[in-house]
C-alpha cells in the first residue's frame, strides 16, 4: 500500500475509471446482471481510504436507474451527501417514475452538469416532463420506447413534448438516438421539429423506417447535420450494421440528395453504387470515406 500511495493519483483515477464507471449502454446487459455489475463496481471503493476518495466520484459519474427502488436509494444517498450530485455526468432512466422527479430536482439544485441523458418513455403520467426541461446542458440524448408503450398514451406524449423543448434549449446537443422509427405519427411532430432546428446536432441514430415518411427528410434540412445512422445497432459502439438499399424507405430517399447523402455518411448501405453519388455530396465526409464511417 505504501507503493500505491506514491503512485500518481491521476493515473490511479484513470485506471479505476475502467472498473468503477458504469457502461453508458446498459441495455446490452440483462436486468438480472445488474446486481453483480454493481458489486464489481463497488469493490475498488472498499480497498482503502485513498481508493474510496478517488473512486467515489467515478462511481456516480454514470447513474443507471433500472427501477423506482434504485431511484429511491439514489435520492437517499444524494440527501445524505449532496456533493455527490455534482459528480453525475450521465443519467440513464430505464424505468422512469415519480421518484425520478425528485432525483432531477436534487441534481439541478446541486448544480450537476448532466451531459448525457438516456430515457425510456414512461407509460404513466407524472411530473417528469417539467423536471426534464431543466437539463439544458445536454450533449447527447437517447430516447427509448418499451414494447408495451404506445405514443398515443398521454404519458409518453408529455415526455416527448418535454424532450422537444429540451432539444430546443440545448445549444450544445450534438447527438441524438431514437430507438424506434421516426414515423409521421402526430405525437412525434414536435420532436422532429426540434431535431430539424437544433443548432449543433450533427448525428441522428434511428432504425430504418418500414415505409417512406417525411420525418427524416425534415431532419435532413438541419444545416448542422453530418450523418444519419440507420439500423438496428444504435449503441454507437463500433461500426454500424449494413442495411439493404432495396427497402421501400431507402428507395424513396434516393430522390432527395441532402437526405441520401446524410444516410450514406452514417450508414453502410448495400446496393448503393458509389458512382451514383458524384454530383456534389453535402455530407461532411467525402463518398470515399463513408463506407468506413462509424457513428461513435
C-alpha atoms as a PDB file:
ATOM      1  CA  UNK A   1       0.000   0.000   0.000  1.00  0.00           C
ATOM      2  CA  UNK A   2       2.939   2.310   0.596  1.00  0.00           C
ATOM      3  CA  UNK A   3       3.894   1.945  -3.057  1.00  0.00           C
ATOM      4  CA  UNK A   4       0.340   2.800  -4.115  1.00  0.00           C
ATOM      5  CA  UNK A   5       0.392   5.994  -2.042  1.00  0.00           C
ATOM      6  CA  UNK A   6       3.404   7.113  -4.072  1.00  0.00           C
ATOM      7  CA  UNK A   7       1.597   6.318  -7.328  1.00  0.00           C
ATOM      8  CA  UNK A   8       0.332   9.407  -9.267  1.00  0.00           C
ATOM      9  CA  UNK A   9      -3.337   9.892  -8.391  1.00  0.00           C
ATOM     10  CA  UNK A  10      -4.175  10.999 -11.930  1.00  0.00           C
ATOM     11  CA  UNK A  11      -3.038   7.604 -13.202  1.00  0.00           C
ATOM     12  CA  UNK A  12      -4.912   5.783 -10.427  1.00  0.00           C
ATOM     13  CA  UNK A  13      -8.055   7.675 -11.328  1.00  0.00           C
ATOM     14  CA  UNK A  14      -7.705   6.674 -14.978  1.00  0.00           C
ATOM     15  CA  UNK A  15      -7.228   3.007 -14.040  1.00  0.00           C
ATOM     16  CA  UNK A  16     -10.112   2.945 -11.563  1.00  0.00           C
ATOM     17  CA  UNK A  17     -12.443   4.590 -14.060  1.00  0.00           C
ATOM     18  CA  UNK A  18     -12.244   1.476 -16.230  1.00  0.00           C
ATOM     19  CA  UNK A  19     -13.819  -0.564 -13.424  1.00  0.00           C
ATOM     20  CA  UNK A  20     -15.933   1.889 -11.441  1.00  0.00           C
ATOM     21  CA  UNK A  21     -17.713   3.958 -14.125  1.00  0.00           C
ATOM     22  CA  UNK A  22     -20.874   2.229 -15.327  1.00  0.00           C
ATOM     23  CA  UNK A  23     -21.433   1.463 -19.001  1.00  0.00           C
ATOM     24  CA  UNK A  24     -23.384   4.109 -20.905  1.00  0.00           C
ATOM     25  CA  UNK A  25     -25.084   1.341 -22.886  1.00  0.00           C
ATOM     26  CA  UNK A  26     -26.747  -0.789 -20.181  1.00  0.00           C
ATOM     27  CA  UNK A  27     -29.436  -2.191 -22.472  1.00  0.00           C
ATOM     28  CA  UNK A  28     -26.953  -4.756 -23.758  1.00  0.00           C
ATOM     29  CA  UNK A  29     -26.989  -6.468 -20.356  1.00  0.00           C
ATOM     30  CA  UNK A  30     -29.979  -8.432 -18.969  1.00  0.00           C
ATOM     31  CA  UNK A  31     -31.625  -6.966 -15.839  1.00  0.00           C
ATOM     32  CA  UNK A  32     -30.512  -9.870 -13.651  1.00  0.00           C
ATOM     33  CA  UNK A  33     -26.889  -8.977 -14.426  1.00  0.00           C
ATOM     34  CA  UNK A  34     -27.058  -5.548 -12.787  1.00  0.00           C
ATOM     35  CA  UNK A  35     -26.560  -6.585  -9.121  1.00  0.00           C
ATOM     36  CA  UNK A  36     -23.325  -8.423  -9.948  1.00  0.00           C
ATOM     37  CA  UNK A  37     -22.210  -5.461 -12.044  1.00  0.00           C
ATOM     38  CA  UNK A  38     -22.840  -3.077  -9.130  1.00  0.00           C
ATOM     39  CA  UNK A  39     -20.851  -5.252  -6.713  1.00  0.00           C
ATOM     40  CA  UNK A  40     -17.936  -5.309  -9.155  1.00  0.00           C
ATOM     41  CA  UNK A  41     -18.000  -1.531  -9.425  1.00  0.00           C
ATOM     42  CA  UNK A  42     -18.213  -1.105  -5.654  1.00  0.00           C
ATOM     43  CA  UNK A  43     -15.240  -3.355  -4.891  1.00  0.00           C
ATOM     44  CA  UNK A  44     -12.480  -0.752  -5.542  1.00  0.00           C
ATOM     45  CA  UNK A  45     -14.157   1.654  -3.090  1.00  0.00           C
ATOM     46  CA  UNK A  46     -13.554  -0.850  -0.285  1.00  0.00           C
ATOM     47  CA  UNK A  47      -9.820  -1.309  -0.873  1.00  0.00           C
ATOM     48  CA  UNK A  48      -8.590   1.700   1.119  1.00  0.00           C
ATOM     49  CA  UNK A  49      -9.488   5.228   2.104  1.00  0.00           C
ATOM     50  CA  UNK A  50      -7.402   6.521  -0.823  1.00  0.00           C
ATOM     51  CA  UNK A  51      -9.242   4.309  -3.323  1.00  0.00           C
ATOM     52  CA  UNK A  52     -12.581   5.340  -1.793  1.00  0.00           C
ATOM     53  CA  UNK A  53     -11.775   9.041  -2.127  1.00  0.00           C
ATOM     54  CA  UNK A  54     -10.665   8.684  -5.759  1.00  0.00           C
ATOM     55  CA  UNK A  55     -13.297   6.187  -6.909  1.00  0.00           C
ATOM     56  CA  UNK A  56     -16.440   7.604  -5.252  1.00  0.00           C
ATOM     57  CA  UNK A  57     -16.883  10.479  -7.764  1.00  0.00           C
ATOM     58  CA  UNK A  58     -16.264   7.978 -10.572  1.00  0.00           C
ATOM     59  CA  UNK A  59     -18.955   5.667  -9.204  1.00  0.00           C
ATOM     60  CA  UNK A  60     -21.525   8.478  -9.530  1.00  0.00           C
ATOM     61  CA  UNK A  61     -20.247   9.682 -12.916  1.00  0.00           C
ATOM     62  CA  UNK A  62     -22.773   7.473 -14.747  1.00  0.00           C
ATOM     63  CA  UNK A  63     -26.008   6.763 -12.861  1.00  0.00           C
ATOM     64  CA  UNK A  64     -28.136   3.890 -14.187  1.00  0.00           C
ATOM     65  CA  UNK A  65     -31.601   3.627 -12.636  1.00  0.00           C
ATOM     66  CA  UNK A  66     -33.424   0.422 -13.546  1.00  0.00           C
ATOM     67  CA  UNK A  67     -36.328   0.621 -11.076  1.00  0.00           C
ATOM     68  CA  UNK A  68     -38.140   3.000  -8.679  1.00  0.00           C
ATOM     69  CA  UNK A  69     -36.356   1.188  -5.824  1.00  0.00           C
ATOM     70  CA  UNK A  70     -32.976   2.224  -7.192  1.00  0.00           C
ATOM     71  CA  UNK A  71     -34.252   5.755  -7.717  1.00  0.00           C
ATOM     72  CA  UNK A  72     -35.292   5.979  -4.062  1.00  0.00           C
ATOM     73  CA  UNK A  73     -31.875   4.688  -2.984  1.00  0.00           C
ATOM     74  CA  UNK A  74     -30.167   7.366  -5.066  1.00  0.00           C
ATOM     75  CA  UNK A  75     -32.380  10.104  -3.602  1.00  0.00           C
ATOM     76  CA  UNK A  76     -31.463   8.948  -0.104  1.00  0.00           C
ATOM     77  CA  UNK A  77     -27.759   8.976  -0.981  1.00  0.00           C
ATOM     78  CA  UNK A  78     -27.935  12.471  -2.514  1.00  0.00           C
ATOM     79  CA  UNK A  79     -29.776  13.820   0.522  1.00  0.00           C
ATOM     80  CA  UNK A  80     -27.118  12.367   2.815  1.00  0.00           C
ATOM     81  CA  UNK A  81     -24.210  13.650   0.682  1.00  0.00           C
ATOM     82  CA  UNK A  82     -25.418  16.462  -1.625  1.00  0.00           C
ATOM     83  CA  UNK A  83     -21.906  16.884  -3.045  1.00  0.00           C
ATOM     84  CA  UNK A  84     -22.287  13.548  -4.855  1.00  0.00           C
ATOM     85  CA  UNK A  85     -24.833  15.140  -7.195  1.00  0.00           C
ATOM     86  CA  UNK A  86     -22.106  17.289  -8.734  1.00  0.00           C
ATOM     87  CA  UNK A  87     -20.280  14.110  -9.800  1.00  0.00           C
ATOM     88  CA  UNK A  88     -23.114  12.953 -12.086  1.00  0.00           C
ATOM     89  CA  UNK A  89     -22.442  13.498 -15.779  1.00  0.00           C
ATOM     90  CA  UNK A  90     -24.534  10.759 -17.403  1.00  0.00           C
ATOM     91  CA  UNK A  91     -28.067   9.832 -16.309  1.00  0.00           C
ATOM     92  CA  UNK A  92     -29.829   6.689 -17.583  1.00  0.00           C
ATOM     93  CA  UNK A  93     -33.503   6.253 -16.667  1.00  0.00           C
ATOM     94  CA  UNK A  94     -34.619   2.788 -17.794  1.00  0.00           C
ATOM     95  CA  UNK A  95     -37.846   2.795 -15.758  1.00  0.00           C
ATOM     96  CA  UNK A  96     -38.786   6.441 -15.087  1.00  0.00           C
ATOM     97  CA  UNK A  97     -41.102   7.024 -12.131  1.00  0.00           C
ATOM     98  CA  UNK A  98     -42.338   9.849  -9.929  1.00  0.00           C
ATOM     99  CA  UNK A  99     -39.258   9.353  -7.741  1.00  0.00           C
ATOM    100  CA  UNK A 100     -37.069  10.486 -10.629  1.00  0.00           C
ATOM    101  CA  UNK A 101     -38.704  13.908 -10.441  1.00  0.00           C
ATOM    102  CA  UNK A 102     -37.069  14.322  -7.040  1.00  0.00           C
ATOM    103  CA  UNK A 103     -33.819  12.906  -8.415  1.00  0.00           C
ATOM    104  CA  UNK A 104     -33.733  15.510 -11.172  1.00  0.00           C
ATOM    105  CA  UNK A 105     -34.629  18.246  -8.711  1.00  0.00           C
ATOM    106  CA  UNK A 106     -31.731  17.297  -6.409  1.00  0.00           C
ATOM    107  CA  UNK A 107     -29.321  17.184  -9.350  1.00  0.00           C
ATOM    108  CA  UNK A 108     -30.481  20.588 -10.570  1.00  0.00           C
ATOM    109  CA  UNK A 109     -30.255  22.229  -7.145  1.00  0.00           C
ATOM    110  CA  UNK A 110     -26.751  20.841  -6.634  1.00  0.00           C
ATOM    111  CA  UNK A 111     -25.560  22.251  -9.954  1.00  0.00           C
ATOM    112  CA  UNK A 112     -24.906  18.868 -11.602  1.00  0.00           C
ATOM    113  CA  UNK A 113     -23.713  19.183 -15.194  1.00  0.00           C
ATOM    114  CA  UNK A 114     -25.599  16.398 -16.963  1.00  0.00           C
ATOM    115  CA  UNK A 115     -24.121  15.905 -20.431  1.00  0.00           C
ATOM    116  CA  UNK A 116     -25.790  12.603 -21.384  1.00  0.00           C
ATOM    117  CA  UNK A 117     -29.409  11.532 -20.875  1.00  0.00           C
ATOM    118  CA  UNK A 118     -30.796   8.106 -21.771  1.00  0.00           C
ATOM    119  CA  UNK A 119     -34.513   7.867 -21.038  1.00  0.00           C
ATOM    120  CA  UNK A 120     -37.167   5.233 -21.667  1.00  0.00           C
ATOM    121  CA  UNK A 121     -40.614   6.696 -22.283  1.00  0.00           C
ATOM    122  CA  UNK A 122     -42.887   6.062 -19.270  1.00  0.00           C
ATOM    123  CA  UNK A 123     -46.376   4.683 -19.628  1.00  0.00           C
ATOM    124  CA  UNK A 124     -47.862   6.743 -16.802  1.00  0.00           C
ATOM    125  CA  UNK A 125     -48.230  10.494 -16.389  1.00  0.00           C
ATOM    126  CA  UNK A 126     -46.004  12.171 -13.802  1.00  0.00           C
ATOM    127  CA  UNK A 127     -44.158  15.379 -13.074  1.00  0.00           C
ATOM    128  CA  UNK A 128     -41.219  14.136 -15.119  1.00  0.00           C
ATOM    129  CA  UNK A 129     -41.778  16.396 -18.179  1.00  0.00           C
ATOM    130  CA  UNK A 130     -41.298  19.605 -16.186  1.00  0.00           C
ATOM    131  CA  UNK A 131     -38.226  18.197 -14.439  1.00  0.00           C
ATOM    132  CA  UNK A 132     -36.613  17.189 -17.746  1.00  0.00           C
ATOM    133  CA  UNK A 133     -36.743  20.700 -19.155  1.00  0.00           C
ATOM    134  CA  UNK A 134     -34.066  21.795 -16.658  1.00  0.00           C
ATOM    135  CA  UNK A 135     -31.373  19.613 -18.280  1.00  0.00           C
ATOM    136  CA  UNK A 136     -30.359  22.263 -20.793  1.00  0.00           C
ATOM    137  CA  UNK A 137     -26.646  21.344 -20.869  1.00  0.00           C
ATOM    138  CA  UNK A 138     -27.033  18.051 -22.740  1.00  0.00           C
ATOM    139  CA  UNK A 139     -24.585  16.997 -25.428  1.00  0.00           C
ATOM    140  CA  UNK A 140     -26.113  13.583 -26.157  1.00  0.00           C
ATOM    141  CA  UNK A 141     -29.687  12.281 -25.867  1.00  0.00           C
ATOM    142  CA  UNK A 142     -31.037   8.725 -26.159  1.00  0.00           C
ATOM    143  CA  UNK A 143     -34.799   8.086 -26.285  1.00  0.00           C
ATOM    144  CA  UNK A 144     -36.139   4.536 -25.897  1.00  0.00           C
ATOM    145  CA  UNK A 145     -39.622   3.025 -26.006  1.00  0.00           C
ATOM    146  CA  UNK A 146     -40.766  -0.217 -24.397  1.00  0.00           C
ATOM    147  CA  UNK A 147     -42.720  -2.823 -26.344  1.00  0.00           C
ATOM    148  CA  UNK A 148     -45.874  -2.109 -24.315  1.00  0.00           C
ATOM    149  CA  UNK A 149     -45.602   1.674 -24.673  1.00  0.00           C
ATOM    150  CA  UNK A 150     -47.712   3.495 -27.268  1.00  0.00           C
ATOM    151  CA  UNK A 151     -47.189   7.050 -28.458  1.00  0.00           C
ATOM    152  CA  UNK A 152     -50.928   7.637 -28.199  1.00  0.00           C
ATOM    153  CA  UNK A 153     -50.697   7.380 -24.405  1.00  0.00           C
ATOM    154  CA  UNK A 154     -50.638  10.669 -22.518  1.00  0.00           C
ATOM    155  CA  UNK A 155     -47.516   9.801 -20.500  1.00  0.00           C
ATOM    156  CA  UNK A 156     -45.211   9.212 -23.485  1.00  0.00           C
ATOM    157  CA  UNK A 157     -46.666  12.176 -25.396  1.00  0.00           C
ATOM    158  CA  UNK A 158     -45.981  14.546 -22.492  1.00  0.00           C
ATOM    159  CA  UNK A 159     -42.387  13.354 -22.186  1.00  0.00           C
ATOM    160  CA  UNK A 160     -41.834  13.640 -25.952  1.00  0.00           C
ATOM    161  CA  UNK A 161     -43.053  17.237 -25.864  1.00  0.00           C
ATOM    162  CA  UNK A 162     -40.741  17.957 -22.929  1.00  0.00           C
ATOM    163  CA  UNK A 163     -37.805  16.397 -24.806  1.00  0.00           C
ATOM    164  CA  UNK A 164     -38.615  18.565 -27.818  1.00  0.00           C
ATOM    165  CA  UNK A 165     -38.442  21.645 -25.589  1.00  0.00           C
ATOM    166  CA  UNK A 166     -35.213  20.321 -24.094  1.00  0.00           C
ATOM    167  CA  UNK A 167     -33.630  19.831 -27.532  1.00  0.00           C
ATOM    168  CA  UNK A 168     -34.594  23.385 -28.470  1.00  0.00           C
ATOM    169  CA  UNK A 169     -32.852  24.778 -25.382  1.00  0.00           C
ATOM    170  CA  UNK A 170     -29.705  22.604 -25.584  1.00  0.00           C
ATOM    171  CA  UNK A 171     -27.337  24.628 -27.731  1.00  0.00           C
ATOM    172  CA  UNK A 172     -24.566  22.014 -27.330  1.00  0.00           C
ATOM    173  CA  UNK A 173     -26.607  18.909 -28.204  1.00  0.00           C
ATOM    174  CA  UNK A 174     -24.568  17.054 -30.836  1.00  0.00           C
ATOM    175  CA  UNK A 175     -26.002  13.541 -30.998  1.00  0.00           C
ATOM    176  CA  UNK A 176     -29.469  12.039 -30.621  1.00  0.00           C
ATOM    177  CA  UNK A 177     -30.533   8.398 -30.719  1.00  0.00           C
ATOM    178  CA  UNK A 178     -34.189   7.422 -31.094  1.00  0.00           C
ATOM    179  CA  UNK A 179     -34.602   3.660 -30.626  1.00  0.00           C
ATOM    180  CA  UNK A 180     -37.875   3.492 -32.579  1.00  0.00           C
ATOM    181  CA  UNK A 181     -38.617   4.606 -36.167  1.00  0.00           C
ATOM    182  CA  UNK A 182     -39.409   8.276 -36.646  1.00  0.00           C
ATOM    183  CA  UNK A 183     -42.767   7.935 -38.345  1.00  0.00           C
ATOM    184  CA  UNK A 184     -45.345  10.555 -39.303  1.00  0.00           C
ATOM    185  CA  UNK A 185     -47.190   9.979 -36.017  1.00  0.00           C
ATOM    186  CA  UNK A 186     -48.527  13.353 -34.757  1.00  0.00           C
ATOM    187  CA  UNK A 187     -47.025  12.583 -31.323  1.00  0.00           C
ATOM    188  CA  UNK A 188     -43.562  12.894 -32.885  1.00  0.00           C
ATOM    189  CA  UNK A 189     -44.123  16.158 -34.754  1.00  0.00           C
ATOM    190  CA  UNK A 190     -42.707  18.450 -32.048  1.00  0.00           C
ATOM    191  CA  UNK A 191     -39.689  16.170 -31.526  1.00  0.00           C
ATOM    192  CA  UNK A 192     -38.955  16.058 -35.263  1.00  0.00           C
ATOM    193  CA  UNK A 193     -39.307  19.826 -35.491  1.00  0.00           C
ATOM    194  CA  UNK A 194     -36.849  20.306 -32.638  1.00  0.00           C
ATOM    195  CA  UNK A 195     -34.319  17.941 -34.261  1.00  0.00           C
ATOM    196  CA  UNK A 196     -34.618  19.852 -37.530  1.00  0.00           C
ATOM    197  CA  UNK A 197     -33.759  23.111 -35.759  1.00  0.00           C
ATOM    198  CA  UNK A 198     -31.145  22.012 -33.183  1.00  0.00           C
ATOM    199  CA  UNK A 199     -28.131  24.275 -33.879  1.00  0.00           C
ATOM    200  CA  UNK A 200     -25.345  21.814 -33.016  1.00  0.00           C
ATOM    201  CA  UNK A 201     -26.956  18.456 -33.807  1.00  0.00           C
ATOM    202  CA  UNK A 202     -24.704  16.599 -36.234  1.00  0.00           C
ATOM    203  CA  UNK A 203     -25.661  12.921 -35.714  1.00  0.00           C
ATOM    204  CA  UNK A 204     -29.016  11.144 -35.579  1.00  0.00           C
ATOM    205  CA  UNK A 205     -29.348   7.391 -34.968  1.00  0.00           C
ATOM    206  CA  UNK A 206     -32.657   5.635 -35.564  1.00  0.00           C
ATOM    207  CA  UNK A 207     -33.987   2.397 -37.124  1.00  0.00           C
ATOM    208  CA  UNK A 208     -34.784   2.268 -40.818  1.00  0.00           C
ATOM    209  CA  UNK A 209     -38.460   3.193 -41.325  1.00  0.00           C
ATOM    210  CA  UNK A 210     -40.501   0.455 -42.987  1.00  0.00           C
ATOM    211  CA  UNK A 211     -42.172   2.895 -45.367  1.00  0.00           C
ATOM    212  CA  UNK A 212     -41.475   6.378 -46.634  1.00  0.00           C
ATOM    213  CA  UNK A 213     -42.408   9.268 -44.377  1.00  0.00           C
ATOM    214  CA  UNK A 214     -41.227  12.898 -44.481  1.00  0.00           C
ATOM    215  CA  UNK A 215     -39.845  12.933 -40.927  1.00  0.00           C
ATOM    216  CA  UNK A 216     -36.195  12.184 -41.725  1.00  0.00           C
ATOM    217  CA  UNK A 217     -36.440  14.480 -44.731  1.00  0.00           C
ATOM    218  CA  UNK A 218     -37.426  17.277 -42.342  1.00  0.00           C
ATOM    219  CA  UNK A 219     -34.474  16.485 -40.039  1.00  0.00           C
ATOM    220  CA  UNK A 220     -32.090  16.465 -43.022  1.00  0.00           C
ATOM    221  CA  UNK A 221     -32.924  20.144 -43.593  1.00  0.00           C
ATOM    222  CA  UNK A 222     -30.932  20.975 -40.456  1.00  0.00           C
ATOM    223  CA  UNK A 223     -27.704  22.554 -41.805  1.00  0.00           C
ATOM    224  CA  UNK A 224     -25.711  21.248 -38.834  1.00  0.00           C
ATOM    225  CA  UNK A 225     -26.440  17.597 -39.655  1.00  0.00           C
ATOM    226  CA  UNK A 226     -23.492  15.488 -40.851  1.00  0.00           C
ATOM    227  CA  UNK A 227     -24.827  11.952 -40.725  1.00  0.00           C
ATOM    228  CA  UNK A 228     -27.955   9.875 -40.206  1.00  0.00           C
ATOM    229  CA  UNK A 229     -27.252   6.371 -38.910  1.00  0.00           C
ATOM    230  CA  UNK A 230     -29.933   3.835 -39.771  1.00  0.00           C
ATOM    231  CA  UNK A 231     -30.055   0.265 -38.492  1.00  0.00           C
ATOM    232  CA  UNK A 232     -30.809  -1.994 -35.545  1.00  0.00           C
ATOM    233  CA  UNK A 233     -27.484  -1.490 -33.722  1.00  0.00           C
ATOM    234  CA  UNK A 234     -27.910   2.013 -32.303  1.00  0.00           C
ATOM    235  CA  UNK A 235     -25.451   1.778 -29.431  1.00  0.00           C
ATOM    236  CA  UNK A 236     -22.909   3.975 -31.178  1.00  0.00           C
ATOM    237  CA  UNK A 237     -20.256   1.419 -30.267  1.00  0.00           C
ATOM    238  CA  UNK A 238     -18.234   0.359 -33.280  1.00  0.00           C
ATOM    239  CA  UNK A 239     -19.214   0.155 -36.932  1.00  0.00           C
ATOM    240  CA  UNK A 240     -22.957   0.353 -37.723  1.00  0.00           C
ATOM    241  CA  UNK A 241     -24.610  -2.630 -39.355  1.00  0.00           C
ATOM    242  CA  UNK A 242     -25.307  -2.650 -43.083  1.00  0.00           C
ATOM    243  CA  UNK A 243     -28.827  -2.123 -44.424  1.00  0.00           C
ATOM    244  CA  UNK A 244     -30.236  -3.039 -47.818  1.00  0.00           C
ATOM    245  CA  UNK A 245     -30.850  -0.334 -50.401  1.00  0.00           C
ATOM    246  CA  UNK A 246     -33.890  -2.262 -51.648  1.00  0.00           C
ATOM    247  CA  UNK A 247     -36.034  -1.208 -48.654  1.00  0.00           C
ATOM    248  CA  UNK A 248     -39.047   0.945 -49.506  1.00  0.00           C
ATOM    249  CA  UNK A 249     -37.771   3.847 -47.426  1.00  0.00           C
ATOM    250  CA  UNK A 250     -34.259   3.912 -48.900  1.00  0.00           C
ATOM    251  CA  UNK A 251     -35.594   3.553 -52.430  1.00  0.00           C
ATOM    252  CA  UNK A 252     -37.643   6.710 -51.904  1.00  0.00           C
ATOM    253  CA  UNK A 253     -34.867   8.516 -50.014  1.00  0.00           C
ATOM    254  CA  UNK A 254     -32.585   8.422 -53.066  1.00  0.00           C
ATOM    255  CA  UNK A 255     -34.767  11.070 -54.696  1.00  0.00           C
ATOM    256  CA  UNK A 256     -33.647  13.585 -52.021  1.00  0.00           C
ATOM    257  CA  UNK A 257     -29.956  14.419 -52.365  1.00  0.00           C
ATOM    258  CA  UNK A 258     -29.374  16.005 -48.936  1.00  0.00           C
ATOM    259  CA  UNK A 259     -31.142  13.181 -47.089  1.00  0.00           C
ATOM    260  CA  UNK A 260     -29.463  10.407 -49.065  1.00  0.00           C
ATOM    261  CA  UNK A 261     -26.020  11.980 -48.596  1.00  0.00           C
ATOM    262  CA  UNK A 262     -26.538  12.135 -44.826  1.00  0.00           C
ATOM    263  CA  UNK A 263     -27.660   8.492 -44.768  1.00  0.00           C
ATOM    264  CA  UNK A 264     -24.655   7.461 -46.837  1.00  0.00           C
ATOM    265  CA  UNK A 265     -22.325   9.360 -44.475  1.00  0.00           C
ATOM    266  CA  UNK A 266     -23.604   7.443 -41.446  1.00  0.00           C
ATOM    267  CA  UNK A 267     -24.906   4.125 -42.756  1.00  0.00           C
ATOM    268  CA  UNK A 268     -23.387   1.261 -44.693  1.00  0.00           C
ATOM    269  CA  UNK A 269     -25.976   0.710 -47.419  1.00  0.00           C
ATOM    270  CA  UNK A 270     -25.630  -2.430 -49.506  1.00  0.00           C
ATOM    271  CA  UNK A 271     -26.642  -1.767 -53.091  1.00  0.00           C
ATOM    272  CA  UNK A 272     -25.966   1.956 -53.386  1.00  0.00           C
ATOM    273  CA  UNK A 273     -23.267   2.362 -56.012  1.00  0.00           C
ATOM    274  CA  UNK A 274     -20.539   4.958 -55.467  1.00  0.00           C
ATOM    275  CA  UNK A 275     -20.836   6.368 -58.990  1.00  0.00           C
ATOM    276  CA  UNK A 276     -24.389   7.457 -58.253  1.00  0.00           C
ATOM    277  CA  UNK A 277     -23.030   9.968 -55.707  1.00  0.00           C
ATOM    278  CA  UNK A 278     -20.674  12.078 -57.825  1.00  0.00           C
ATOM    279  CA  UNK A 279     -22.939  15.116 -58.135  1.00  0.00           C
ATOM    280  CA  UNK A 280     -21.826  17.123 -55.099  1.00  0.00           C
ATOM    281  CA  UNK A 281     -22.162  15.429 -51.736  1.00  0.00           C
ATOM    282  CA  UNK A 282     -23.341  17.765 -48.973  1.00  0.00           C
ATOM    283  CA  UNK A 283     -22.439  15.493 -46.079  1.00  0.00           C
ATOM    284  CA  UNK A 284     -19.344  16.169 -44.009  1.00  0.00           C
ATOM    285  CA  UNK A 285     -17.431  13.068 -45.201  1.00  0.00           C
ATOM    286  CA  UNK A 286     -16.467  12.518 -48.863  1.00  0.00           C
ATOM    287  CA  UNK A 287     -18.042   9.462 -50.577  1.00  0.00           C
ATOM    288  CA  UNK A 288     -14.765   7.526 -50.421  1.00  0.00           C
ATOM    289  CA  UNK A 289     -14.770   7.698 -46.626  1.00  0.00           C
ATOM    290  CA  UNK A 290     -18.399   6.935 -45.919  1.00  0.00           C
ATOM    291  CA  UNK A 291     -18.126   3.167 -46.135  1.00  0.00           C
ATOM    292  CA  UNK A 292     -15.885   3.179 -43.067  1.00  0.00           C
ATOM    293  CA  UNK A 293     -17.690   5.912 -41.178  1.00  0.00           C
ATOM    294  CA  UNK A 294     -18.883   4.888 -37.729  1.00  0.00           C
ATOM    295  CA  UNK A 295     -21.421   6.669 -35.588  1.00  0.00           C
ATOM    296  CA  UNK A 296     -19.370   6.981 -32.417  1.00  0.00           C
END
